[in-house]
């Protein structure tokens, strides 16, 4: 059987706005495919260490990888808000 990888879909409001701008840059510059930016959000590789990411994002990625066995998190404008993780708006 070929390997398949799952992803967790959450609200893009879980991303601090300034960090979302950084993800846009990473996506544009990355050849590793660790971040993909789209019209409604970002697909971020959840496995491994991410010390350069905000603590709240690190915790969400770790939750997806360790607790849900997901390889990616899709931060989507239509995704669900997870109560145990902070959310941000453009004014935070």
N, C-alpha and C. Protein backbone atom coordinates (compact mmCIF):
# COMPACT_ATOMS: atom_id res chain seq x y z
N UNK A 1 0.85 -1.19 0.00
CA UNK A 1 0.00 0.00 0.00
C UNK A 1 0.89 1.25 0.00
N UNK A 2 0.52 2.25 -0.79
CA UNK A 2 1.27 3.50 -0.75
C UNK A 2 0.99 4.24 0.56
N UNK A 3 1.94 5.01 0.97
CA UNK A 3 1.79 5.82 2.19
C UNK A 3 0.81 6.95 1.93
N UNK A 4 -0.08 7.17 2.88
CA UNK A 4 -0.98 8.33 2.83
C UNK A 4 -0.76 9.15 4.09
N UNK A 5 -1.04 10.43 3.99
CA UNK A 5 -0.88 11.34 5.12
C UNK A 5 -2.16 12.14 5.29
N UNK A 6 -2.57 12.29 6.56
CA UNK A 6 -3.77 13.05 6.85
C UNK A 6 -3.45 14.47 7.27
N UNK A 7 -4.51 15.29 7.31
CA UNK A 7 -4.33 16.65 7.82
C UNK A 7 -5.53 17.06 8.64
N UNK A 8 -5.26 17.95 9.58
CA UNK A 8 -6.27 18.55 10.44
C UNK A 8 -6.65 19.89 9.83
N UNK A 9 -7.94 20.16 9.69
CA UNK A 9 -8.41 21.45 9.20
C UNK A 9 -8.91 22.28 10.37
N UNK A 10 -8.35 23.48 10.52
CA UNK A 10 -8.76 24.40 11.59
C UNK A 10 -8.95 25.79 10.99
N UNK A 11 -9.56 26.65 11.76
CA UNK A 11 -9.77 28.03 11.34
C UNK A 11 -8.44 28.77 11.16
N UNK A 12 -8.37 29.57 10.12
CA UNK A 12 -7.20 30.42 9.92
C UNK A 12 -7.05 31.45 11.04
N UNK A 13 -8.09 31.65 11.84
CA UNK A 13 -8.00 32.58 12.97
C UNK A 13 -7.04 32.09 14.04
N UNK A 14 -6.59 30.84 13.95
CA UNK A 14 -5.58 30.32 14.89
C UNK A 14 -4.17 30.82 14.55
N UNK A 15 -4.02 31.52 13.44
CA UNK A 15 -2.72 32.07 13.06
C UNK A 15 -2.64 33.54 13.45
N UNK A 16 -1.60 33.93 14.18
CA UNK A 16 -1.41 35.37 14.41
C UNK A 16 -1.22 36.06 13.05
N UNK A 17 -1.88 37.20 12.81
CA UNK A 17 -1.80 37.86 11.50
C UNK A 17 -0.38 38.14 11.02
N UNK A 18 0.50 38.57 11.91
CA UNK A 18 1.88 38.84 11.48
C UNK A 18 2.57 37.56 11.04
N UNK A 19 2.24 36.45 11.69
CA UNK A 19 2.85 35.17 11.31
C UNK A 19 2.27 34.68 9.98
N UNK A 20 1.01 34.97 9.70
CA UNK A 20 0.42 34.61 8.41
C UNK A 20 1.18 35.29 7.28
N UNK A 21 1.60 36.53 7.50
CA UNK A 21 2.42 37.23 6.50
C UNK A 21 3.75 36.52 6.29
N UNK A 22 4.34 36.04 7.36
CA UNK A 22 5.60 35.28 7.27
C UNK A 22 5.37 33.99 6.49
N UNK A 23 4.24 33.32 6.74
CA UNK A 23 3.94 32.09 6.01
C UNK A 23 3.81 32.35 4.51
N UNK A 24 3.27 33.49 4.14
CA UNK A 24 3.19 33.85 2.72
C UNK A 24 4.59 33.92 2.11
N UNK A 25 5.52 34.52 2.85
CA UNK A 25 6.90 34.62 2.37
C UNK A 25 7.55 33.24 2.30
N UNK A 26 7.35 32.43 3.33
CA UNK A 26 7.93 31.08 3.34
C UNK A 26 7.40 30.29 2.15
N UNK A 27 6.12 30.38 1.89
CA UNK A 27 5.50 29.66 0.79
C UNK A 27 6.10 30.09 -0.55
N UNK A 28 6.29 31.38 -0.72
CA UNK A 28 6.82 31.90 -1.97
C UNK A 28 8.28 31.51 -2.18
N UNK A 29 9.03 31.40 -1.09
CA UNK A 29 10.47 31.14 -1.19
C UNK A 29 10.84 29.68 -1.02
N UNK A 30 9.94 28.86 -0.49
CA UNK A 30 10.28 27.49 -0.11
C UNK A 30 10.31 26.54 -1.30
N UNK A 31 11.33 25.74 -1.33
CA UNK A 31 11.39 24.64 -2.29
C UNK A 31 11.16 23.31 -1.57
N UNK A 32 11.01 23.35 -0.26
CA UNK A 32 10.82 22.15 0.53
C UNK A 32 9.36 21.76 0.69
N UNK A 33 8.44 22.65 0.36
CA UNK A 33 7.02 22.34 0.47
C UNK A 33 6.50 22.25 1.89
N UNK A 34 7.14 22.96 2.84
CA UNK A 34 6.68 22.89 4.22
C UNK A 34 5.46 23.77 4.46
N UNK A 35 5.24 24.75 3.58
CA UNK A 35 4.07 25.63 3.67
C UNK A 35 3.56 25.89 2.26
N UNK A 36 2.27 25.69 2.09
CA UNK A 36 1.61 26.04 0.83
C UNK A 36 0.55 27.07 1.15
N UNK A 37 0.55 28.18 0.42
CA UNK A 37 -0.44 29.23 0.63
C UNK A 37 -1.47 29.16 -0.49
N UNK A 38 -2.74 29.35 -0.10
CA UNK A 38 -3.82 29.37 -1.08
C UNK A 38 -4.73 30.55 -0.84
N UNK A 39 -5.79 30.60 -1.59
CA UNK A 39 -6.73 31.72 -1.51
C UNK A 39 -7.41 31.82 -0.16
N UNK A 40 -7.61 30.69 0.52
CA UNK A 40 -8.36 30.74 1.78
C UNK A 40 -7.56 30.28 2.99
N UNK A 41 -6.25 30.05 2.83
CA UNK A 41 -5.47 29.65 4.00
C UNK A 41 -4.12 29.06 3.66
N UNK A 42 -3.61 28.25 4.59
CA UNK A 42 -2.27 27.69 4.49
C UNK A 42 -2.28 26.22 4.87
N UNK A 43 -1.50 25.43 4.15
CA UNK A 43 -1.26 24.04 4.50
C UNK A 43 0.16 23.97 5.04
N UNK A 44 0.30 23.58 6.32
CA UNK A 44 1.59 23.62 7.01
C UNK A 44 1.96 22.22 7.46
N UNK A 45 3.21 21.83 7.20
CA UNK A 45 3.71 20.54 7.65
C UNK A 45 3.76 20.55 9.18
N UNK A 46 3.16 19.54 9.81
CA UNK A 46 3.00 19.53 11.27
C UNK A 46 4.10 18.77 12.00
N UNK A 47 4.79 17.90 11.33
CA UNK A 47 5.77 17.04 12.00
C UNK A 47 7.08 17.77 12.23
N UNK A 48 7.83 17.35 13.22
CA UNK A 48 9.14 17.94 13.49
C UNK A 48 9.07 19.16 14.39
N UNK A 49 10.20 19.78 14.53
CA UNK A 49 10.32 20.96 15.37
C UNK A 49 10.13 22.22 14.54
N UNK A 50 9.52 23.23 15.14
CA UNK A 50 9.26 24.50 14.48
C UNK A 50 9.59 25.66 15.43
N UNK A 51 10.85 25.76 15.87
CA UNK A 51 11.18 26.77 16.89
C UNK A 51 10.96 28.21 16.44
N UNK A 52 10.94 28.45 15.14
CA UNK A 52 10.75 29.81 14.64
C UNK A 52 9.28 30.21 14.58
N UNK A 53 8.38 29.27 14.81
CA UNK A 53 6.94 29.55 14.78
C UNK A 53 6.48 30.04 16.15
N UNK A 54 5.42 30.85 16.20
CA UNK A 54 4.87 31.27 17.50
C UNK A 54 4.48 30.05 18.34
N UNK A 55 4.58 30.18 19.64
CA UNK A 55 4.29 29.09 20.57
C UNK A 55 2.90 28.51 20.34
N UNK A 56 1.91 29.35 20.09
CA UNK A 56 0.54 28.85 19.89
C UNK A 56 0.44 27.97 18.64
N UNK A 57 1.16 28.32 17.60
CA UNK A 57 1.17 27.53 16.37
C UNK A 57 1.93 26.23 16.59
N UNK A 58 3.05 26.30 17.31
CA UNK A 58 3.81 25.09 17.64
C UNK A 58 2.93 24.08 18.39
N UNK A 59 2.17 24.56 19.35
CA UNK A 59 1.31 23.67 20.14
C UNK A 59 0.22 23.04 19.27
N UNK A 60 -0.35 23.81 18.35
CA UNK A 60 -1.39 23.26 17.49
C UNK A 60 -0.80 22.22 16.53
N UNK A 61 0.37 22.49 15.97
CA UNK A 61 1.02 21.53 15.09
C UNK A 61 1.39 20.26 15.85
N UNK A 62 1.89 20.41 17.07
CA UNK A 62 2.24 19.25 17.89
C UNK A 62 0.99 18.42 18.22
N UNK A 63 -0.09 19.08 18.52
CA UNK A 63 -1.36 18.39 18.78
C UNK A 63 -1.79 17.57 17.56
N UNK A 64 -1.73 18.20 16.39
CA UNK A 64 -2.12 17.50 15.16
C UNK A 64 -1.24 16.28 14.92
N UNK A 65 0.07 16.44 15.09
CA UNK A 65 1.01 15.35 14.81
C UNK A 65 0.94 14.26 15.86
N UNK A 66 1.04 14.63 17.12
CA UNK A 66 1.14 13.63 18.19
C UNK A 66 -0.21 13.02 18.58
N UNK A 67 -1.22 13.84 18.72
CA UNK A 67 -2.51 13.34 19.20
C UNK A 67 -3.41 12.80 18.10
N UNK A 68 -3.29 13.36 16.89
CA UNK A 68 -4.20 12.97 15.80
C UNK A 68 -3.48 12.23 14.67
N UNK A 69 -2.16 12.09 14.79
CA UNK A 69 -1.35 11.41 13.77
C UNK A 69 -1.52 12.06 12.39
N UNK A 70 -1.66 13.38 12.38
CA UNK A 70 -1.76 14.14 11.13
C UNK A 70 -0.39 14.64 10.72
N UNK A 71 -0.15 14.70 9.45
CA UNK A 71 1.13 15.21 8.94
C UNK A 71 1.07 16.70 8.63
N UNK A 72 -0.14 17.23 8.44
CA UNK A 72 -0.30 18.62 8.05
C UNK A 72 -1.46 19.26 8.83
N UNK A 73 -1.42 20.59 8.91
CA UNK A 73 -2.56 21.35 9.41
C UNK A 73 -2.95 22.32 8.30
N UNK A 74 -4.23 22.29 7.95
CA UNK A 74 -4.77 23.24 6.99
C UNK A 74 -5.44 24.35 7.78
N UNK A 75 -4.85 25.53 7.75
CA UNK A 75 -5.44 26.72 8.37
C UNK A 75 -6.33 27.34 7.30
N UNK A 76 -7.64 27.14 7.43
CA UNK A 76 -8.60 27.50 6.40
C UNK A 76 -9.58 28.54 6.92
N UNK A 77 -9.94 29.48 6.07
CA UNK A 77 -10.88 30.52 6.51
C UNK A 77 -12.23 29.95 6.91
N UNK A 78 -12.57 28.76 6.42
CA UNK A 78 -13.83 28.12 6.79
C UNK A 78 -13.66 26.98 7.79
N UNK A 79 -12.45 26.81 8.32
CA UNK A 79 -12.19 25.72 9.26
C UNK A 79 -12.80 25.97 10.63
N UNK A 80 -12.84 24.91 11.42
CA UNK A 80 -13.39 24.98 12.77
C UNK A 80 -12.42 25.65 13.74
N UNK A 81 -12.97 26.37 14.69
CA UNK A 81 -12.18 26.94 15.79
C UNK A 81 -12.07 25.88 16.87
N UNK A 82 -10.85 25.62 17.32
CA UNK A 82 -10.62 24.66 18.40
C UNK A 82 -10.56 25.43 19.72
N UNK A 83 -11.42 25.06 20.65
CA UNK A 83 -11.55 25.79 21.91
C UNK A 83 -10.27 25.85 22.73
N UNK A 84 -9.43 24.85 22.63
CA UNK A 84 -8.23 24.80 23.48
C UNK A 84 -7.04 25.58 22.92
N UNK A 85 -7.24 26.28 21.80
CA UNK A 85 -6.14 27.01 21.17
C UNK A 85 -6.58 28.45 20.92
N UNK A 86 -5.66 29.42 21.12
CA UNK A 86 -6.03 30.82 20.94
C UNK A 86 -6.37 31.16 19.49
N UNK A 87 -7.19 32.19 19.33
CA UNK A 87 -7.50 32.73 18.01
C UNK A 87 -7.08 34.19 17.98
N UNK A 88 -6.94 34.69 16.77
CA UNK A 88 -6.47 36.07 16.57
C UNK A 88 -7.35 36.71 15.51
N UNK A 89 -7.42 38.01 15.57
CA UNK A 89 -8.03 38.76 14.48
C UNK A 89 -7.00 39.76 13.99
N UNK A 90 -7.34 40.54 13.00
CA UNK A 90 -6.38 41.47 12.40
C UNK A 90 -5.92 42.56 13.36
N UNK A 91 -6.62 42.74 14.46
CA UNK A 91 -6.27 43.81 15.40
C UNK A 91 -5.40 43.32 16.54
N UNK A 92 -5.15 41.99 16.67
CA UNK A 92 -4.31 41.45 17.76
C UNK A 92 -2.86 41.54 17.40
